Amino acid sequence: MEKTGKYKIPQWQIDEVRERTKKYLKNPESATDIDDFLKEIENEIIVI
């Protein structure tokens, strides 16, 4: 795990961010718009 300040970042999280970054750099148009993302979360909360 990498340390940043007081916090330890789990390796799985570092790997996930790197993988998502690679996918984004290959196809930036596939990124989710923040408004769509927030609406999706809002809809999930309402369902729960």
N, C-alpha and C. Protein backbone atom coordinates (compact mmCIF):
# COMPACT_ATOMS: atom_id res chain seq x y z
N MET A 1 0.82 -1.19 0.00
CA MET A 1 0.00 0.00 0.00
C MET A 1 0.87 1.25 0.00
N GLU A 2 0.42 2.23 -0.76
CA GLU A 2 1.12 3.51 -0.76
C GLU A 2 0.59 4.38 0.37
N LYS A 3 1.47 5.16 0.95
CA LYS A 3 1.05 6.08 2.00
C LYS A 3 0.98 7.49 1.43
N THR A 4 -0.08 8.17 1.75
CA THR A 4 -0.20 9.59 1.41
C THR A 4 -0.63 10.30 2.67
N GLY A 5 0.25 11.03 3.25
CA GLY A 5 -0.07 11.69 4.51
C GLY A 5 -0.35 10.67 5.58
N LYS A 6 -1.55 10.74 6.17
CA LYS A 6 -1.95 9.82 7.23
C LYS A 6 -2.61 8.56 6.68
N TYR A 7 -2.98 8.57 5.42
CA TYR A 7 -3.81 7.50 4.88
C TYR A 7 -3.02 6.52 4.03
N LYS A 8 -3.44 5.26 4.09
CA LYS A 8 -2.87 4.23 3.23
C LYS A 8 -3.88 3.93 2.13
N ILE A 9 -3.44 3.96 0.89
CA ILE A 9 -4.32 3.67 -0.24
C ILE A 9 -4.14 2.20 -0.58
N PRO A 10 -5.22 1.42 -0.54
CA PRO A 10 -5.13 0.00 -0.86
C PRO A 10 -4.66 -0.21 -2.30
N GLN A 11 -3.87 -1.24 -2.52
CA GLN A 11 -3.34 -1.51 -3.86
C GLN A 11 -4.44 -1.73 -4.88
N TRP A 12 -5.54 -2.39 -4.46
CA TRP A 12 -6.63 -2.64 -5.40
C TRP A 12 -7.22 -1.33 -5.92
N GLN A 13 -7.24 -0.31 -5.06
CA GLN A 13 -7.80 0.98 -5.46
C GLN A 13 -6.86 1.70 -6.43
N ILE A 14 -5.57 1.63 -6.17
CA ILE A 14 -4.58 2.21 -7.07
C ILE A 14 -4.68 1.55 -8.44
N ASP A 15 -4.78 0.21 -8.44
CA ASP A 15 -4.89 -0.53 -9.70
C ASP A 15 -6.15 -0.14 -10.46
N GLU A 16 -7.26 0.01 -9.75
CA GLU A 16 -8.53 0.38 -10.39
C GLU A 16 -8.45 1.76 -11.03
N VAL A 17 -7.87 2.71 -10.33
CA VAL A 17 -7.74 4.06 -10.87
C VAL A 17 -6.85 4.05 -12.11
N ARG A 18 -5.78 3.30 -12.06
CA ARG A 18 -4.88 3.21 -13.23
C ARG A 18 -5.60 2.60 -14.43
N GLU A 19 -6.39 1.55 -14.18
CA GLU A 19 -7.13 0.90 -15.26
C GLU A 19 -8.17 1.84 -15.86
N ARG A 20 -8.90 2.55 -15.01
CA ARG A 20 -9.91 3.50 -15.50
C ARG A 20 -9.25 4.64 -16.27
N THR A 21 -8.09 5.07 -15.81
CA THR A 21 -7.37 6.14 -16.51
C THR A 21 -6.95 5.68 -17.90
N LYS A 22 -6.44 4.46 -18.01
CA LYS A 22 -6.05 3.92 -19.33
C LYS A 22 -7.24 3.89 -20.27
N LYS A 23 -8.38 3.40 -19.76
CA LYS A 23 -9.59 3.33 -20.60
C LYS A 23 -10.03 4.71 -21.03
N TYR A 24 -9.96 5.67 -20.12
CA TYR A 24 -10.36 7.04 -20.45
C TYR A 24 -9.45 7.63 -21.51
N LEU A 25 -8.15 7.44 -21.35
CA LEU A 25 -7.20 8.01 -22.31
C LEU A 25 -7.35 7.40 -23.70
N LYS A 26 -7.78 6.15 -23.77
CA LYS A 26 -8.02 5.51 -25.06
C LYS A 26 -9.30 6.02 -25.72
N ASN A 27 -10.29 6.38 -24.90
CA ASN A 27 -11.58 6.79 -25.44
C ASN A 27 -12.24 7.81 -24.50
N PRO A 28 -11.79 9.07 -24.54
CA PRO A 28 -12.33 10.08 -23.63
C PRO A 28 -13.83 10.33 -23.80
N GLU A 29 -14.37 10.06 -24.97
CA GLU A 29 -15.80 10.28 -25.19
C GLU A 29 -16.66 9.30 -24.40
N SER A 30 -16.05 8.22 -23.93
CA SER A 30 -16.83 7.23 -23.19
C SER A 30 -17.01 7.60 -21.72
N ALA A 31 -16.37 8.67 -21.29
CA ALA A 31 -16.49 9.09 -19.89
C ALA A 31 -17.91 9.53 -19.58
N THR A 32 -18.33 9.24 -18.38
CA THR A 32 -19.67 9.62 -17.94
C THR A 32 -19.70 11.11 -17.62
N ASP A 33 -20.70 11.79 -18.13
CA ASP A 33 -20.91 13.19 -17.81
C ASP A 33 -21.29 13.29 -16.33
N ILE A 34 -20.77 14.27 -15.61
CA ILE A 34 -21.02 14.40 -14.18
C ILE A 34 -22.51 14.53 -13.88
N ASP A 35 -23.24 15.24 -14.71
CA ASP A 35 -24.69 15.38 -14.49
C ASP A 35 -25.40 14.04 -14.62
N ASP A 36 -25.00 13.25 -15.63
CA ASP A 36 -25.59 11.92 -15.80
C ASP A 36 -25.24 11.03 -14.61
N PHE A 37 -24.01 11.13 -14.17
CA PHE A 37 -23.55 10.33 -13.04
C PHE A 37 -24.34 10.65 -11.78
N LEU A 38 -24.50 11.93 -11.50
CA LEU A 38 -25.24 12.34 -10.30
C LEU A 38 -26.72 11.92 -10.38
N LYS A 39 -27.29 12.02 -11.56
CA LYS A 39 -28.68 11.61 -11.75
C LYS A 39 -28.83 10.10 -11.52
N GLU A 40 -27.86 9.35 -11.99
CA GLU A 40 -27.86 7.90 -11.80
C GLU A 40 -27.81 7.55 -10.30
N ILE A 41 -26.97 8.22 -9.56
CA ILE A 41 -26.89 8.00 -8.11
C ILE A 41 -28.20 8.39 -7.45
N GLU A 42 -28.74 9.51 -7.84
CA GLU A 42 -30.01 9.97 -7.28
C GLU A 42 -31.11 8.93 -7.51
N ASN A 43 -31.16 8.38 -8.71
CA ASN A 43 -32.16 7.37 -9.03
C ASN A 43 -31.95 6.10 -8.20
N GLU A 44 -30.72 5.71 -7.97
CA GLU A 44 -30.43 4.53 -7.16
C GLU A 44 -30.86 4.75 -5.72
N ILE A 45 -30.66 5.93 -5.20
CA ILE A 45 -31.05 6.24 -3.82
C ILE A 45 -32.56 6.19 -3.67
N ILE A 46 -33.26 6.70 -4.65
CA ILE A 46 -34.72 6.70 -4.62
C ILE A 46 -35.25 5.26 -4.62
N VAL A 47 -34.62 4.39 -5.37
CA VAL A 47 -35.04 3.00 -5.48
C VAL A 47 -34.86 2.27 -4.15
N ILE A 48 -33.79 2.60 -3.46
CA ILE A 48 -33.48 1.94 -2.18
C ILE A 48 -34.45 2.44 -1.18
